[in-house]
N, C-alpha and C. Protein backbone atom coordinates (compact mmCIF):
# COMPACT_ATOMS: atom_id res chain seq x y z
N MET A 1 -225.57 -83.71 16.03
CA MET A 1 -224.12 -83.68 16.15
C MET A 1 -223.52 -83.22 14.82
N THR A 2 -222.50 -82.42 14.92
CA THR A 2 -221.86 -81.86 13.73
C THR A 2 -220.77 -82.82 13.24
N SER A 3 -220.77 -83.09 11.94
CA SER A 3 -219.78 -84.01 11.39
C SER A 3 -218.42 -83.32 11.26
N GLU A 4 -217.39 -84.13 11.11
CA GLU A 4 -216.04 -83.59 10.97
C GLU A 4 -215.91 -82.69 9.74
N SER A 5 -216.57 -83.07 8.64
CA SER A 5 -216.48 -82.25 7.43
C SER A 5 -217.18 -80.91 7.63
N GLU A 6 -218.27 -80.91 8.40
CA GLU A 6 -218.96 -79.64 8.70
C GLU A 6 -218.11 -78.76 9.60
N ILE A 7 -217.44 -79.37 10.59
CA ILE A 7 -216.54 -78.62 11.47
C ILE A 7 -215.38 -78.07 10.66
N ALA A 8 -214.87 -78.85 9.72
CA ALA A 8 -213.76 -78.38 8.87
C ALA A 8 -214.20 -77.17 8.05
N LYS A 9 -215.43 -77.21 7.53
CA LYS A 9 -215.95 -76.06 6.78
C LYS A 9 -216.08 -74.84 7.67
N LEU A 10 -216.54 -75.05 8.91
CA LEU A 10 -216.64 -73.94 9.86
C LEU A 10 -215.26 -73.36 10.17
N ALA A 11 -214.27 -74.23 10.34
CA ALA A 11 -212.90 -73.77 10.61
C ALA A 11 -212.38 -72.93 9.44
N ASP A 12 -212.62 -73.41 8.23
CA ASP A 12 -212.19 -72.64 7.04
C ASP A 12 -212.90 -71.30 6.97
N ALA A 13 -214.20 -71.29 7.27
CA ALA A 13 -214.96 -70.04 7.23
C ALA A 13 -214.45 -69.05 8.27
N LEU A 14 -214.17 -69.54 9.48
CA LEU A 14 -213.65 -68.67 10.53
C LEU A 14 -212.27 -68.15 10.17
N GLY A 15 -211.40 -69.02 9.68
CA GLY A 15 -210.06 -68.58 9.27
C GLY A 15 -210.12 -67.54 8.16
N ASP A 16 -211.00 -67.76 7.18
CA ASP A 16 -211.15 -66.80 6.09
C ASP A 16 -211.67 -65.47 6.62
N LEU A 17 -212.66 -65.51 7.50
CA LEU A 17 -213.21 -64.27 8.07
C LEU A 17 -212.14 -63.50 8.84
N ARG A 18 -211.37 -64.20 9.66
CA ARG A 18 -210.31 -63.52 10.42
C ARG A 18 -209.26 -62.93 9.49
N HIS A 19 -208.98 -63.60 8.39
CA HIS A 19 -208.02 -63.07 7.41
C HIS A 19 -208.56 -61.76 6.81
N ARG A 20 -209.85 -61.76 6.47
CA ARG A 20 -210.45 -60.55 5.89
C ARG A 20 -210.52 -59.42 6.92
N ILE A 21 -210.82 -59.76 8.19
CA ILE A 21 -210.85 -58.75 9.24
C ILE A 21 -209.47 -58.13 9.41
N LYS A 22 -208.41 -58.95 9.38
CA LYS A 22 -207.05 -58.42 9.51
C LYS A 22 -206.75 -57.47 8.36
N ALA A 23 -207.15 -57.84 7.15
CA ALA A 23 -206.92 -56.97 5.99
C ALA A 23 -207.66 -55.65 6.17
N LEU A 24 -208.89 -55.70 6.69
CA LEU A 24 -209.65 -54.47 6.93
C LEU A 24 -209.00 -53.62 8.02
N LYS A 25 -208.51 -54.26 9.08
CA LYS A 25 -207.84 -53.51 10.14
C LYS A 25 -206.56 -52.85 9.62
N ASP A 26 -205.82 -53.55 8.76
CA ASP A 26 -204.63 -52.96 8.16
C ASP A 26 -205.00 -51.74 7.31
N GLU A 27 -206.07 -51.89 6.54
CA GLU A 27 -206.53 -50.78 5.70
C GLU A 27 -206.99 -49.61 6.57
N GLU A 28 -207.69 -49.92 7.66
CA GLU A 28 -208.14 -48.88 8.59
C GLU A 28 -206.94 -48.12 9.17
N ALA A 29 -205.89 -48.84 9.55
CA ALA A 29 -204.71 -48.21 10.13
C ALA A 29 -204.05 -47.26 9.12
N GLU A 30 -204.00 -47.67 7.86
CA GLU A 30 -203.42 -46.81 6.82
C GLU A 30 -204.25 -45.55 6.62
N LEU A 31 -205.57 -45.71 6.57
CA LEU A 31 -206.45 -44.55 6.41
C LEU A 31 -206.34 -43.60 7.61
N ARG A 32 -206.32 -44.17 8.81
CA ARG A 32 -206.19 -43.37 10.03
C ARG A 32 -204.89 -42.58 10.02
N LYS A 33 -203.80 -43.23 9.65
CA LYS A 33 -202.51 -42.55 9.60
C LYS A 33 -202.54 -41.41 8.57
N ALA A 34 -203.12 -41.68 7.41
CA ALA A 34 -203.19 -40.64 6.37
C ALA A 34 -204.01 -39.44 6.86
N ILE A 35 -205.12 -39.71 7.56
CA ILE A 35 -205.94 -38.61 8.08
C ILE A 35 -205.18 -37.83 9.14
N LEU A 36 -204.53 -38.54 10.07
CA LEU A 36 -203.79 -37.85 11.14
C LEU A 36 -202.59 -37.08 10.59
N ASP A 37 -201.96 -37.60 9.55
CA ASP A 37 -200.85 -36.87 8.93
C ASP A 37 -201.35 -35.59 8.27
N ALA A 38 -202.56 -35.62 7.73
CA ALA A 38 -203.11 -34.46 7.02
C ALA A 38 -203.74 -33.45 7.98
N ARG A 39 -204.31 -33.92 9.09
CA ARG A 39 -205.02 -33.04 10.01
C ARG A 39 -204.80 -33.53 11.44
N PRO A 40 -204.01 -32.84 12.25
CA PRO A 40 -203.71 -33.33 13.60
C PRO A 40 -204.89 -33.26 14.58
N ASN A 41 -205.87 -32.38 14.34
CA ASN A 41 -207.04 -32.33 15.22
C ASN A 41 -208.18 -31.59 14.53
N GLY A 42 -209.37 -31.70 15.10
CA GLY A 42 -210.51 -30.99 14.57
C GLY A 42 -211.42 -31.88 13.76
N PRO A 43 -212.53 -31.31 13.29
CA PRO A 43 -213.50 -32.10 12.52
C PRO A 43 -213.11 -32.25 11.05
N VAL A 44 -213.56 -33.36 10.49
CA VAL A 44 -213.37 -33.62 9.06
C VAL A 44 -214.72 -34.11 8.53
N ALA A 45 -215.22 -33.48 7.47
CA ALA A 45 -216.50 -33.89 6.90
C ALA A 45 -216.29 -34.51 5.54
N GLY A 46 -216.77 -35.73 5.39
CA GLY A 46 -216.74 -36.39 4.10
C GLY A 46 -218.14 -36.36 3.50
N GLY A 47 -218.32 -37.00 2.38
CA GLY A 47 -219.63 -37.03 1.75
C GLY A 47 -220.62 -37.90 2.50
N ALA A 48 -220.15 -39.01 3.09
CA ALA A 48 -221.04 -39.94 3.79
C ALA A 48 -220.77 -40.01 5.29
N PHE A 49 -219.59 -39.61 5.71
CA PHE A 49 -219.23 -39.70 7.13
C PHE A 49 -218.49 -38.44 7.55
N SER A 50 -218.58 -38.14 8.83
CA SER A 50 -217.75 -37.08 9.40
C SER A 50 -217.00 -37.68 10.58
N LEU A 51 -215.90 -37.07 10.89
CA LEU A 51 -215.13 -37.55 12.03
C LEU A 51 -214.55 -36.37 12.78
N ASN A 52 -214.19 -36.62 14.02
CA ASN A 52 -213.59 -35.59 14.84
C ASN A 52 -212.30 -36.14 15.42
N ILE A 53 -211.25 -35.37 15.30
CA ILE A 53 -209.94 -35.78 15.82
C ILE A 53 -209.68 -34.96 17.07
N ARG A 54 -209.40 -35.64 18.18
CA ARG A 54 -209.14 -34.94 19.43
C ARG A 54 -208.15 -35.73 20.27
N PHE A 55 -207.67 -35.11 21.31
CA PHE A 55 -206.77 -35.78 22.25
C PHE A 55 -207.58 -36.22 23.46
N GLN A 56 -207.17 -37.32 24.05
CA GLN A 56 -207.84 -37.85 25.23
C GLN A 56 -206.78 -38.32 26.21
N THR A 57 -207.00 -38.08 27.49
CA THR A 57 -206.08 -38.53 28.53
C THR A 57 -206.78 -39.59 29.37
N ARG A 58 -206.07 -40.66 29.67
CA ARG A 58 -206.59 -41.74 30.50
C ARG A 58 -205.67 -41.97 31.68
N ARG A 59 -206.28 -42.36 32.77
CA ARG A 59 -205.51 -42.80 33.92
C ARG A 59 -205.52 -44.32 33.95
N ARG A 60 -204.36 -44.88 34.28
CA ARG A 60 -204.33 -46.33 34.41
C ARG A 60 -203.45 -46.69 35.59
N PHE A 61 -203.82 -47.76 36.24
CA PHE A 61 -203.11 -48.23 37.42
C PHE A 61 -201.88 -49.00 36.98
N ASP A 62 -200.71 -48.64 37.51
CA ASP A 62 -199.47 -49.31 37.16
C ASP A 62 -199.04 -50.22 38.31
N ALA A 63 -199.42 -51.49 38.21
CA ALA A 63 -199.13 -52.46 39.27
C ALA A 63 -197.64 -52.74 39.42
N THR A 64 -196.85 -52.42 38.40
CA THR A 64 -195.40 -52.69 38.50
C THR A 64 -194.74 -51.81 39.55
N LEU A 65 -195.40 -50.74 39.97
CA LEU A 65 -194.83 -49.86 40.99
C LEU A 65 -195.09 -50.36 42.41
N LEU A 66 -195.91 -51.38 42.56
CA LEU A 66 -196.17 -51.96 43.87
C LEU A 66 -194.97 -52.79 44.32
N PRO A 67 -194.79 -52.92 45.62
CA PRO A 67 -193.70 -53.77 46.12
C PRO A 67 -193.90 -55.22 45.67
N ASP A 68 -192.79 -55.92 45.47
CA ASP A 68 -192.84 -57.30 44.99
C ASP A 68 -193.70 -58.20 45.87
N HIS A 69 -193.60 -58.02 47.21
CA HIS A 69 -194.35 -58.92 48.10
C HIS A 69 -195.86 -58.76 47.94
N ILE A 70 -196.32 -57.61 47.53
CA ILE A 70 -197.75 -57.41 47.29
C ILE A 70 -198.13 -58.02 45.94
N ARG A 71 -197.32 -57.79 44.91
CA ARG A 71 -197.62 -58.36 43.59
C ARG A 71 -197.57 -59.88 43.60
N ALA A 72 -196.76 -60.46 44.48
CA ALA A 72 -196.64 -61.92 44.55
C ALA A 72 -197.72 -62.57 45.43
N ASP A 73 -198.44 -61.77 46.17
CA ASP A 73 -199.46 -62.30 47.09
C ASP A 73 -200.69 -62.77 46.30
N PRO A 74 -201.04 -64.06 46.37
CA PRO A 74 -202.17 -64.58 45.59
C PRO A 74 -203.52 -63.99 46.01
N ARG A 75 -203.60 -63.36 47.16
CA ARG A 75 -204.87 -62.76 47.58
C ARG A 75 -205.28 -61.61 46.67
N TYR A 76 -204.32 -61.02 45.98
CA TYR A 76 -204.61 -59.87 45.13
C TYR A 76 -204.81 -60.24 43.66
N TRP A 77 -204.82 -61.53 43.39
CA TRP A 77 -204.98 -61.99 42.01
C TRP A 77 -206.29 -62.74 41.86
N LYS A 78 -206.89 -62.59 40.71
CA LYS A 78 -208.09 -63.35 40.37
C LYS A 78 -207.76 -64.13 39.10
N GLU A 79 -208.02 -65.43 39.14
CA GLU A 79 -207.70 -66.27 37.99
C GLU A 79 -208.99 -66.61 37.25
N THR A 80 -208.94 -66.46 35.94
CA THR A 80 -210.09 -66.80 35.11
C THR A 80 -209.63 -67.75 34.01
N GLU A 81 -210.58 -68.55 33.54
CA GLU A 81 -210.28 -69.48 32.45
C GLU A 81 -211.09 -69.07 31.23
N THR A 82 -210.45 -69.05 30.09
CA THR A 82 -211.08 -68.62 28.85
C THR A 82 -210.83 -69.66 27.77
N ARG A 83 -211.84 -69.89 26.94
CA ARG A 83 -211.65 -70.78 25.79
C ARG A 83 -211.11 -69.94 24.65
N ILE A 84 -210.06 -70.38 24.04
CA ILE A 84 -209.40 -69.66 22.97
C ILE A 84 -209.59 -70.43 21.66
N VAL A 85 -210.00 -69.74 20.62
CA VAL A 85 -210.09 -70.33 19.29
C VAL A 85 -209.09 -69.59 18.42
N SER A 86 -208.02 -70.26 18.05
CA SER A 86 -207.01 -69.63 17.21
C SER A 86 -207.06 -70.26 15.82
N THR A 87 -206.67 -69.47 14.84
CA THR A 87 -206.67 -69.97 13.46
C THR A 87 -205.30 -69.74 12.85
N LYS A 88 -204.94 -70.62 11.95
CA LYS A 88 -203.73 -70.44 11.15
C LYS A 88 -203.96 -71.16 9.83
N PRO A 89 -203.33 -70.67 8.78
CA PRO A 89 -203.52 -71.33 7.48
C PRO A 89 -203.03 -72.77 7.53
N ALA A 90 -203.75 -73.64 6.85
CA ALA A 90 -203.32 -75.03 6.75
C ALA A 90 -202.04 -75.08 5.93
N PRO A 91 -201.14 -76.00 6.27
CA PRO A 91 -199.91 -76.08 5.48
C PRO A 91 -200.23 -76.43 4.04
N SER A 92 -199.61 -75.73 3.15
CA SER A 92 -199.86 -76.03 1.74
C SER A 92 -199.11 -77.31 1.37
N GLU A 93 -199.69 -78.05 0.47
CA GLU A 93 -199.05 -79.30 0.06
C GLU A 93 -197.81 -78.98 -0.76
N PRO A 94 -196.73 -79.72 -0.50
CA PRO A 94 -195.52 -79.48 -1.30
C PRO A 94 -195.79 -79.87 -2.75
N PRO A 95 -195.14 -79.20 -3.66
CA PRO A 95 -195.36 -79.54 -5.07
C PRO A 95 -194.97 -80.99 -5.32
N HIS A 96 -195.80 -81.69 -6.04
CA HIS A 96 -195.51 -83.09 -6.34
C HIS A 96 -194.44 -83.16 -7.42
N GLU A 97 -193.52 -84.09 -7.22
CA GLU A 97 -192.50 -84.28 -8.24
C GLU A 97 -193.15 -84.90 -9.46
N LYS A 98 -192.70 -84.48 -10.59
CA LYS A 98 -193.26 -85.03 -11.82
C LYS A 98 -192.73 -86.46 -11.97
N VAL A 99 -193.67 -87.38 -11.94
CA VAL A 99 -193.30 -88.78 -12.04
C VAL A 99 -193.76 -89.27 -13.41
N GLU A 100 -192.84 -89.91 -14.08
CA GLU A 100 -193.18 -90.43 -15.40
C GLU A 100 -194.05 -91.67 -15.21
N GLU A 101 -195.18 -91.69 -15.89
CA GLU A 101 -196.08 -92.83 -15.79
C GLU A 101 -195.65 -93.91 -16.78
N PHE A 102 -195.83 -95.16 -16.38
CA PHE A 102 -195.49 -96.26 -17.26
C PHE A 102 -196.33 -97.47 -16.88
N ASP A 103 -196.45 -98.38 -17.78
CA ASP A 103 -197.21 -99.62 -17.56
C ASP A 103 -196.23 -100.74 -17.25
N VAL A 104 -196.64 -101.61 -16.37
CA VAL A 104 -195.81 -102.78 -16.03
C VAL A 104 -196.54 -104.01 -16.57
N PHE A 105 -195.83 -104.78 -17.39
CA PHE A 105 -196.37 -106.03 -17.90
C PHE A 105 -195.62 -107.16 -17.28
N GLU A 106 -196.35 -108.03 -16.60
CA GLU A 106 -195.70 -109.17 -15.99
C GLU A 106 -196.11 -110.44 -16.74
N PRO A 107 -195.14 -111.25 -17.05
CA PRO A 107 -195.50 -112.52 -17.70
C PRO A 107 -196.17 -113.46 -16.71
N TYR A 108 -197.11 -114.28 -17.21
CA TYR A 108 -197.80 -115.24 -16.34
C TYR A 108 -197.15 -116.57 -16.40
């Protein structure tokens, strides 16, 4: 069985990893934008990697165009249950007020 302190360490590790992944995704988006701004299509060769920029068309089903009575019919829906693990930074402790320390002497 995993102890609470071990689970807390796992939670911190997962939160840290997700934070780093987000930073990498942000960096990727900036690089992608810079490449697309510089070259709208075609191949690009770097020293270690090459890439190809092209257009792609996809078809997708738009259920919003179906009549309401069909979209509301439960026979056309499939329900699934998923376990979700979400992370958020722990609240930081508020700054402690500076308290003057003193000794108390009580007479006996």
